[in-house]
Amino acid sequence: MQSFEKWVCEVRREFHRNPELSFHEHGTQERIMSILGELGIDSRKIADTGVIAEVRGMLPGPCIAIRSDTDALAAHEVLSPRNEDYISQNPGVMHACGHDGHMAIVLGVARMIMEKQKEICGTVRFIFQPAEEIPPGGAARVIEEGGLEGVDAIIGLHIFGDVDVGQVNIRAGPLMASSNRFTVKIFGKGGHHATPDMCIDPIQIAAEFISSLKPAVSQKVNTSGHVLGFGMVDAGKQFNRSPDELELVGSFRTFDDNDIDTIEQVMITLLDSLMDSYSNDFMEGVPSYDLDVYRGYPVLFNNPLFTENACNLLQTIFNNVSAHPDPIFGAEDFAYYLREVPGMYAIIGTKNPEKGIVEVNHSSGFDIDEDVLLNGVELLYSLATDFLKNPGEYLE
């Protein structure tokens, strides 16, 4: 077999060449199972296009799960001097978020665990999860289908393009935000602009809603603890006519799941007030509105005790470990696993200006410094084996 470093890099490049979208990771699934088989590890399918596998040590003990996501993004990869040997062969689809690296890292951990199987006390479960990129995501499916049964703890990581290569960021408590989408439909009374007294203009109502919502939310939720924006406004077909209805779509993110309820209530209160101010006695039933708040991934909350001990361990291995990074407004369905069992999610950096690797995640020019692959393997392998030796230090 190839040297470990070369093998991990080639595994990553193979996945990078063959990206697949969420819940369409059929080829990816088959290749993961093939690689696991080559390592002597049995596996099975889960969540349609996911894979689950286990390595049991020679002695009894707890079970820790290690998760990788597997899906790619709908983006056309830009050719560069670095990626010409492994650029996406699936036009319009690319691994622009590092999931190819995640798969290679977790498979690298699986190879190392198999090589040390006789020394392992307990079980390591490997979860290759589909569809992280598109809510409701694949994590919930994995959980529903028993992917966490018998698991005592879970760990995972994410490669980030705006974090320096070699940097490891872990944080007890909220690390990543919830993601939520809202849709507002406003129903008015259409008519000619020459007779405004015969109309109730939903565009004007929406304009007030848009200008008022952010200040109203900021009075209830700390400004550093949320972001909110508007993404689409759809109304009207005629320049001199007020439309009958309007649809407005936006999103918001928070670091506290309770803030989701607060923001939704602010929206309701503001919309109710606008309906009252634009109503009149001559037009019954209008204006009115429908509000739908779709709750996406919840806040990713790292178990404090697990994270504290993980930090202590990792600071003995890596030179640059931050235990107090700012939480980030990105969202991850790994959050669902952490609602079920204790564990931790880590961020490792890949930014390296000297190699020209500076693009952020989801960019069509995104690439990784492949040195980060061995960092990721060492991080997850060290955490998994230390947990199996000392589970009491990680669990309450």
Protein backbone atom coordinates (compact mmCIF):
# COMPACT_ATOMS: atom_id res chain seq x y z
CA MET A 1 0.00 0.00 0.00
CA GLN A 2 1.15 3.57 -0.68
CA SER A 3 2.74 5.64 2.05
CA PHE A 4 0.09 6.99 4.35
CA GLU A 5 0.51 10.64 3.35
CA LYS A 6 0.40 9.89 -0.37
CA TRP A 7 -2.56 7.57 0.07
CA VAL A 8 -4.64 10.15 1.97
CA CYS A 9 -3.87 12.83 -0.64
CA GLU A 10 -4.84 10.55 -3.52
CA VAL A 11 -8.08 9.55 -1.78
CA ARG A 12 -8.94 13.23 -1.41
CA ARG A 13 -8.14 13.94 -5.06
CA GLU A 14 -10.20 11.00 -6.26
CA PHE A 15 -13.25 12.32 -4.43
CA HIS A 16 -12.51 15.84 -5.68
CA ARG A 17 -12.54 14.64 -9.29
CA ASN A 18 -15.92 12.97 -8.81
CA PRO A 19 -18.19 15.30 -6.82
CA GLU A 20 -21.89 14.56 -6.38
CA LEU A 21 -24.76 16.68 -5.10
CA SER A 22 -26.77 16.10 -1.92
CA PHE A 23 -28.56 12.72 -1.80
CA HIS A 24 -27.04 11.86 -5.19
CA GLU A 25 -23.73 10.62 -3.76
CA HIS A 26 -24.13 7.12 -5.23
CA GLY A 27 -20.65 6.84 -6.73
CA THR A 28 -19.15 8.42 -3.62
CA GLN A 29 -20.96 5.89 -1.45
CA GLU A 30 -19.71 2.94 -3.49
CA ARG A 31 -16.13 4.22 -3.43
CA ILE A 32 -16.19 4.78 0.34
CA MET A 33 -17.42 1.23 0.86
CA SER A 34 -14.76 -0.06 -1.54
CA ILE A 35 -11.95 1.72 0.30
CA LEU A 36 -13.24 0.49 3.65
CA GLY A 37 -13.33 -3.03 2.24
CA GLU A 38 -9.72 -2.68 1.11
CA LEU A 39 -8.87 -1.77 4.70
CA GLY A 40 -10.69 -4.85 5.98
CA ILE A 41 -13.64 -2.91 7.41
CA ASP A 42 -17.22 -4.02 6.80
CA SER A 43 -19.74 -1.28 6.06
CA ARG A 44 -23.37 -0.76 5.20
CA LYS A 45 -25.51 1.87 3.58
CA ILE A 46 -27.52 4.39 5.61
CA ALA A 47 -29.68 7.42 4.79
CA ASP A 48 -29.90 6.40 1.11
CA THR A 49 -26.44 7.51 0.01
CA GLY A 50 -24.50 7.40 3.28
CA VAL A 51 -22.19 4.78 4.75
CA ILE A 52 -21.68 3.50 8.29
CA ALA A 53 -18.89 1.22 9.50
CA GLU A 54 -17.27 0.10 12.74
CA VAL A 55 -13.93 -1.11 14.01
CA ARG A 56 -14.13 -3.02 17.27
CA GLY A 57 -11.06 -3.24 19.45
CA MET A 58 -9.85 -6.43 21.03
CA LEU A 59 -11.11 -5.34 24.45
CA PRO A 60 -14.55 -4.03 25.50
CA GLY A 61 -15.12 -0.34 26.01
CA PRO A 62 -17.21 2.65 24.95
CA CYS A 63 -18.09 3.67 21.41
CA ILE A 64 -17.08 6.92 19.76
CA ALA A 65 -18.38 8.00 16.36
CA ILE A 66 -16.43 10.02 13.80
CA ARG A 67 -18.44 11.76 11.10
CA SER A 68 -17.61 13.03 7.62
CA ASP A 69 -20.00 14.73 5.21
CA THR A 70 -19.85 13.63 1.57
CA ASP A 71 -21.81 15.96 -0.71
CA ALA A 72 -20.57 18.64 -3.09
CA LEU A 73 -21.97 21.96 -4.30
CA ALA A 74 -23.55 23.19 -7.53
CA ALA A 75 -20.59 25.29 -8.68
CA HIS A 76 -18.33 25.26 -11.72
CA GLU A 77 -14.74 24.76 -10.64
CA VAL A 78 -12.13 27.20 -11.97
CA LEU A 79 -8.95 25.67 -13.39
CA SER A 80 -5.78 26.67 -11.57
CA PRO A 81 -2.10 25.67 -11.65
CA ARG A 82 -2.77 23.51 -8.57
CA ASN A 83 -5.89 21.59 -9.49
CA GLU A 84 -5.26 20.60 -13.10
CA ASP A 85 -4.60 16.98 -12.03
CA TYR A 86 -7.75 16.67 -9.95
CA ILE A 87 -10.25 19.29 -11.15
CA SER A 88 -13.90 18.22 -11.08
CA GLN A 89 -14.90 15.89 -13.90
CA ASN A 90 -18.58 16.58 -13.23
CA PRO A 91 -19.31 19.97 -14.88
CA GLY A 92 -21.22 22.36 -12.66
CA VAL A 93 -20.52 20.37 -9.50
CA MET A 94 -17.46 20.68 -7.25
CA HIS A 95 -16.20 20.02 -3.77
CA ALA A 96 -16.09 23.69 -2.83
CA CYS A 97 -16.47 23.18 0.91
CA GLY A 98 -13.79 20.66 1.80
CA HIS A 99 -15.96 17.56 2.09
CA ASP A 100 -13.54 15.68 -0.16
CA GLY A 101 -10.89 16.41 2.47
CA HIS A 102 -13.20 15.37 5.27
CA MET A 103 -13.79 11.98 3.65
CA ALA A 104 -10.07 11.43 3.10
CA ILE A 105 -9.31 12.40 6.70
CA VAL A 106 -11.90 10.05 8.20
CA LEU A 107 -10.81 7.20 5.92
CA GLY A 108 -7.25 7.93 7.04
CA VAL A 109 -8.37 7.60 10.66
CA ALA A 110 -10.08 4.32 9.78
CA ARG A 111 -6.83 3.00 8.30
CA MET A 112 -4.90 3.97 11.43
CA ILE A 113 -7.52 2.48 13.75
CA MET A 114 -7.38 -0.82 11.85
CA GLU A 115 -3.60 -0.87 12.15
CA LYS A 116 -3.96 -0.42 15.95
CA GLN A 117 -7.07 -2.60 16.36
CA LYS A 118 -5.39 -4.94 18.86
CA GLU A 119 -4.62 -1.98 21.14
CA ILE A 120 -8.12 -0.47 21.03
CA CYS A 121 -10.49 -0.81 23.98
CA GLY A 122 -13.96 -0.20 22.62
CA THR A 123 -15.41 0.70 19.23
CA VAL A 124 -14.92 3.43 16.67
CA ARG A 125 -17.90 4.04 14.38
CA PHE A 126 -17.40 5.89 11.10
CA ILE A 127 -20.34 7.85 9.69
CA PHE A 128 -20.11 9.12 6.13
CA GLN A 129 -23.17 11.32 5.95
CA PRO A 130 -24.86 12.60 2.81
CA ALA A 131 -26.52 15.94 2.17
CA GLU A 132 -25.00 18.31 4.70
CA GLU A 133 -25.28 21.23 2.29
CA ILE A 134 -29.05 21.35 1.89
CA PRO A 135 -31.51 21.41 4.83
CA PRO A 136 -33.08 19.33 6.24
CA GLY A 137 -29.79 17.54 5.62
CA GLY A 138 -28.66 13.98 6.13
CA ALA A 139 -27.79 13.96 9.83
CA ALA A 140 -31.42 13.67 10.91
CA ARG A 141 -31.84 10.69 8.58
CA VAL A 142 -28.76 9.00 10.02
CA ILE A 143 -30.13 9.44 13.53
CA GLU A 144 -33.62 8.23 12.56
CA GLU A 145 -32.11 5.09 11.04
CA GLY A 146 -30.15 4.21 14.17
CA GLY A 147 -26.78 5.62 13.25
CA LEU A 148 -26.12 6.77 16.81
CA GLU A 149 -27.43 3.70 18.64
CA GLY A 150 -24.83 2.57 21.15
CA VAL A 151 -22.67 5.65 20.59
CA ASP A 152 -21.28 7.35 23.71
CA ALA A 153 -19.68 10.37 22.03
CA ILE A 154 -19.14 11.86 18.58
CA ILE A 155 -16.49 14.06 16.96
CA GLY A 156 -16.03 15.76 13.61
CA LEU A 157 -14.22 18.61 11.94
CA HIS A 158 -14.49 21.13 9.12
CA ILE A 159 -11.81 22.58 6.86
CA PHE A 160 -12.07 26.39 6.56
CA GLY A 161 -10.48 28.52 3.87
CA ASP A 162 -10.33 31.70 5.95
CA VAL A 163 -8.39 30.08 8.83
CA ASP A 164 -4.61 29.77 8.56
CA VAL A 165 -3.24 26.34 7.78
CA GLY A 166 -2.17 24.58 10.97
CA GLN A 167 -4.66 26.50 13.10
CA VAL A 168 -7.15 24.46 15.14
CA ASN A 169 -10.21 26.22 16.54
CA ILE A 170 -12.43 24.57 19.12
CA ARG A 171 -14.96 26.21 21.38
CA ALA A 172 -17.11 24.98 24.23
CA GLY A 173 -20.77 25.89 23.80
CA PRO A 174 -22.06 27.52 20.61
CA LEU A 175 -19.56 27.22 17.76
CA MET A 176 -21.83 27.58 14.72
CA ALA A 177 -25.19 29.25 14.23
CA SER A 178 -28.70 28.10 13.55
CA SER A 179 -29.93 28.76 10.01
CA ASN A 180 -33.53 29.78 9.41
CA ARG A 181 -35.53 30.89 6.38
CA PHE A 182 -38.66 33.04 6.48
CA THR A 183 -41.30 33.73 3.85
CA VAL A 184 -43.84 36.55 4.14
CA LYS A 185 -46.80 36.82 1.81
CA ILE A 186 -48.61 40.17 1.99
CA PHE A 187 -52.08 40.44 0.47
CA GLY A 188 -53.37 43.89 -0.48
CA LYS A 189 -55.79 45.38 -3.01
CA GLY A 190 -54.40 45.97 -6.48
CA GLY A 191 -55.32 48.87 -8.68
CA HIS A 192 -54.20 51.81 -10.83
CA HIS A 193 -51.64 54.23 -9.43
CA ALA A 194 -53.99 57.04 -10.51
CA THR A 195 -56.47 55.95 -7.81
CA PRO A 196 -54.33 55.16 -4.77
CA ASP A 197 -57.30 55.56 -2.41
CA MET A 198 -58.79 52.46 -4.06
CA CYS A 199 -55.68 50.35 -3.44
CA ILE A 200 -53.79 48.82 -0.57
CA ASP A 201 -50.25 48.53 -1.88
CA PRO A 202 -48.39 45.41 -0.60
CA ILE A 203 -45.11 46.82 -1.93
CA GLN A 204 -45.39 49.83 0.34
CA ILE A 205 -46.21 47.58 3.29
CA ALA A 206 -43.25 45.35 2.48
CA ALA A 207 -40.97 48.39 2.24
CA GLU A 208 -41.90 49.38 5.79
CA PHE A 209 -41.45 45.81 6.99
CA ILE A 210 -37.99 45.60 5.42
CA SER A 211 -36.84 48.94 6.83
CA SER A 212 -38.26 48.26 10.31
CA LEU A 213 -37.44 44.60 10.93
CA LYS A 214 -33.72 44.78 11.61
CA PRO A 215 -33.98 47.64 14.14
CA ALA A 216 -36.90 45.89 15.84
CA VAL A 217 -35.00 42.59 16.13
CA SER A 218 -31.90 44.38 17.42
CA GLN A 219 -33.94 45.73 20.33
CA LYS A 220 -34.67 42.15 21.42
CA VAL A 221 -31.59 40.15 20.35
CA ASN A 222 -27.97 41.19 20.83
CA THR A 223 -26.62 42.55 17.55
CA SER A 224 -23.51 40.35 17.80
CA GLY A 225 -25.70 37.29 18.32
CA HIS A 226 -27.66 37.31 15.08
CA VAL A 227 -27.63 38.21 11.41
CA LEU A 228 -30.70 38.82 9.24
CA GLY A 229 -31.14 39.59 5.57
CA PHE A 230 -33.63 39.70 2.70
CA GLY A 231 -32.99 37.61 -0.37
CA MET A 232 -36.00 37.84 -2.68
CA VAL A 233 -38.95 40.14 -3.29
CA ASP A 234 -41.51 39.09 -5.88
CA ALA A 235 -44.49 41.26 -6.80
CA GLY A 236 -46.21 42.87 -9.72
CA LYS A 237 -46.11 42.73 -13.51
CA GLN A 238 -47.13 46.27 -14.48
CA PHE A 239 -45.27 49.54 -13.87
CA ASN A 240 -48.37 51.64 -13.17
CA ARG A 241 -50.36 49.19 -11.10
CA SER A 242 -50.16 48.18 -7.46
CA PRO A 243 -50.15 44.38 -7.28
CA ASP A 244 -52.58 42.35 -5.22
CA GLU A 245 -49.91 40.44 -3.35
CA LEU A 246 -46.21 40.20 -2.68
CA GLU A 247 -43.83 37.49 -1.50
CA LEU A 248 -40.72 38.28 0.50
CA VAL A 249 -38.06 35.69 1.41
CA GLY A 250 -35.12 36.09 3.76
CA SER A 251 -33.05 34.33 6.37
CA PHE A 252 -31.61 34.80 9.83
CA ARG A 253 -29.05 33.06 12.00
CA THR A 254 -28.54 33.02 15.75
CA PHE A 255 -26.28 31.50 18.39
CA ASP A 256 -29.17 30.73 20.74
CA ASP A 257 -32.10 28.60 19.64
CA ASN A 258 -34.37 30.61 21.96
CA ASP A 259 -33.67 33.68 19.82
CA ILE A 260 -35.45 32.00 16.92
CA ASP A 261 -38.74 32.27 18.82
CA THR A 262 -37.96 35.87 19.73
CA ILE A 263 -37.26 36.89 16.12
CA GLU A 264 -40.39 35.16 14.87
CA GLN A 265 -42.47 37.00 17.46
CA VAL A 266 -40.92 40.33 16.44
CA MET A 267 -41.97 39.61 12.86
CA ILE A 268 -45.53 38.79 13.92
CA THR A 269 -45.81 41.92 16.07
CA LEU A 270 -44.49 44.15 13.29
CA LEU A 271 -46.71 42.60 10.63
CA ASP A 272 -49.79 42.86 12.83
CA SER A 273 -49.04 46.53 13.38
CA LEU A 274 -48.61 47.14 9.65
CA MET A 275 -51.88 45.40 8.85
CA ASP A 276 -53.66 47.68 11.31
CA SER A 277 -52.07 50.86 10.00
CA TYR A 278 -52.90 50.10 6.35
CA SER A 279 -56.43 48.82 6.86
CA ASN A 280 -59.55 50.91 6.16
CA ASP A 281 -63.28 50.52 6.68
CA PHE A 282 -64.05 50.17 2.97
CA MET A 283 -61.97 47.08 2.18
CA GLU A 284 -62.67 44.03 4.32
CA GLY A 285 -60.13 41.28 4.70
CA VAL A 286 -57.15 43.25 3.47
CA PRO A 287 -54.38 43.78 4.09
CA SER A 288 -53.42 40.40 5.50
CA TYR A 289 -50.33 38.23 5.60
CA ASP A 290 -48.98 34.72 5.89
CA LEU A 291 -45.70 34.16 7.71
CA ASP A 292 -43.74 30.91 7.49
CA VAL A 293 -40.51 30.47 9.44
CA TYR A 294 -38.61 27.37 8.36
CA ARG A 295 -36.19 26.28 11.05
CA GLY A 296 -33.07 24.85 9.50
CA TYR A 297 -30.07 23.48 11.35
CA PRO A 298 -29.99 24.31 15.06
CA VAL A 299 -27.11 25.93 16.91
CA LEU A 300 -24.06 23.67 16.97
CA PHE A 301 -23.31 23.40 20.68
CA ASN A 302 -20.10 21.65 21.75
CA ASN A 303 -20.32 19.74 25.02
CA PRO A 304 -18.32 21.85 27.53
CA LEU A 305 -16.62 19.01 29.46
CA PHE A 306 -15.78 17.04 26.34
CA THR A 307 -14.40 20.17 24.66
CA GLU A 308 -12.32 21.17 27.67
CA ASN A 309 -10.57 17.81 27.77
CA ALA A 310 -10.21 17.74 23.99
CA CYS A 311 -8.57 21.15 24.10
CA ASN A 312 -6.11 20.03 26.79
CA LEU A 313 -5.13 17.06 24.65
CA LEU A 314 -4.86 18.91 21.35
CA GLN A 315 -2.71 21.66 22.86
CA THR A 316 -0.08 19.00 23.53
CA ILE A 317 -0.15 17.96 19.85
CA PHE A 318 -0.61 21.15 17.82
CA ASN A 319 1.17 24.48 18.15
CA ASN A 320 -1.84 26.65 17.31
CA VAL A 321 -4.98 25.63 19.17
CA SER A 322 -7.52 28.29 20.08
CA ALA A 323 -10.06 27.36 22.73
CA HIS A 324 -11.89 30.69 22.54
CA PRO A 325 -12.49 31.59 18.90
CA ASP A 326 -15.49 33.70 18.03
CA PRO A 327 -18.49 31.62 17.01
CA ILE A 328 -19.24 31.73 13.30
CA PHE A 329 -22.50 32.30 11.48
CA GLY A 330 -22.03 29.25 9.26
CA ALA A 331 -24.40 26.38 10.03
CA GLU A 332 -23.86 22.63 10.20
CA ASP A 333 -26.21 19.69 10.66
CA PHE A 334 -23.58 18.06 12.89
CA ALA A 335 -25.55 20.05 15.46
CA TYR A 336 -28.21 17.32 15.43
CA TYR A 337 -25.71 14.69 16.58
CA LEU A 338 -24.59 16.88 19.46
CA ARG A 339 -28.20 17.09 20.63
CA GLU A 340 -28.17 13.31 21.01
CA VAL A 341 -24.74 12.49 22.48
CA PRO A 342 -21.82 14.45 23.94
CA GLY A 343 -19.04 15.47 21.64
CA MET A 344 -17.26 18.23 19.82
CA TYR A 345 -16.83 19.75 16.37
CA ALA A 346 -13.53 21.36 15.44
CA ILE A 347 -12.37 23.77 12.74
CA ILE A 348 -8.99 23.36 11.03
CA GLY A 349 -7.47 25.95 8.74
CA THR A 350 -6.23 25.55 5.17
CA LYS A 351 -5.43 29.15 4.18
CA ASN A 352 -1.87 29.40 2.85
CA PRO A 353 -1.03 32.52 0.82
CA GLU A 354 2.45 31.18 0.03
CA LYS A 355 0.82 28.38 -1.97
CA GLY A 356 -1.89 30.66 -3.38
CA ILE A 357 -4.57 28.93 -1.32
CA VAL A 358 -6.69 31.86 -0.19
CA GLU A 359 -10.23 31.26 -1.49
CA VAL A 360 -12.99 30.82 1.08
CA ASN A 361 -15.42 27.92 1.26
CA HIS A 362 -18.08 27.79 -1.49
CA SER A 363 -15.88 29.75 -3.90
CA SER A 364 -15.45 28.28 -7.38
CA GLY A 365 -11.72 28.65 -6.78
CA PHE A 366 -11.71 26.91 -3.40
CA ASP A 367 -8.90 24.43 -2.80
CA ILE A 368 -7.10 23.06 0.23
CA ASP A 369 -3.50 22.87 1.34
CA GLU A 370 -3.19 19.10 1.49
CA ASP A 371 -0.96 19.37 4.56
CA VAL A 372 -4.22 19.89 6.43
CA LEU A 373 -5.21 16.28 5.72
CA LEU A 374 -2.62 14.82 8.07
CA ASN A 375 -3.50 17.47 10.66
CA GLY A 376 -7.10 16.32 10.49
CA VAL A 377 -6.20 12.63 10.75
CA GLU A 378 -4.00 13.26 13.77
CA LEU A 379 -6.66 15.38 15.44
CA LEU A 380 -9.50 12.87 15.10
CA TYR A 381 -7.35 9.79 15.73
CA SER A 382 -5.85 11.31 18.89
CA LEU A 383 -9.22 12.37 20.24
CA ALA A 384 -10.87 9.02 19.49
CA THR A 385 -8.16 6.89 21.05
CA ASP A 386 -7.78 9.12 24.10
CA PHE A 387 -11.54 9.03 24.67
CA LEU A 388 -11.57 5.24 24.52
CA LYS A 389 -8.77 5.11 27.10
CA ASN A 390 -10.23 7.77 29.39
CA PRO A 391 -13.97 8.13 28.77
CA GLY A 392 -14.67 9.30 32.29
CA GLU A 393 -12.65 12.46 31.72
CA TYR A 394 -14.84 13.43 28.74
CA LEU A 395 -18.30 12.48 29.99
CA GLU A 396 -20.27 13.87 32.89
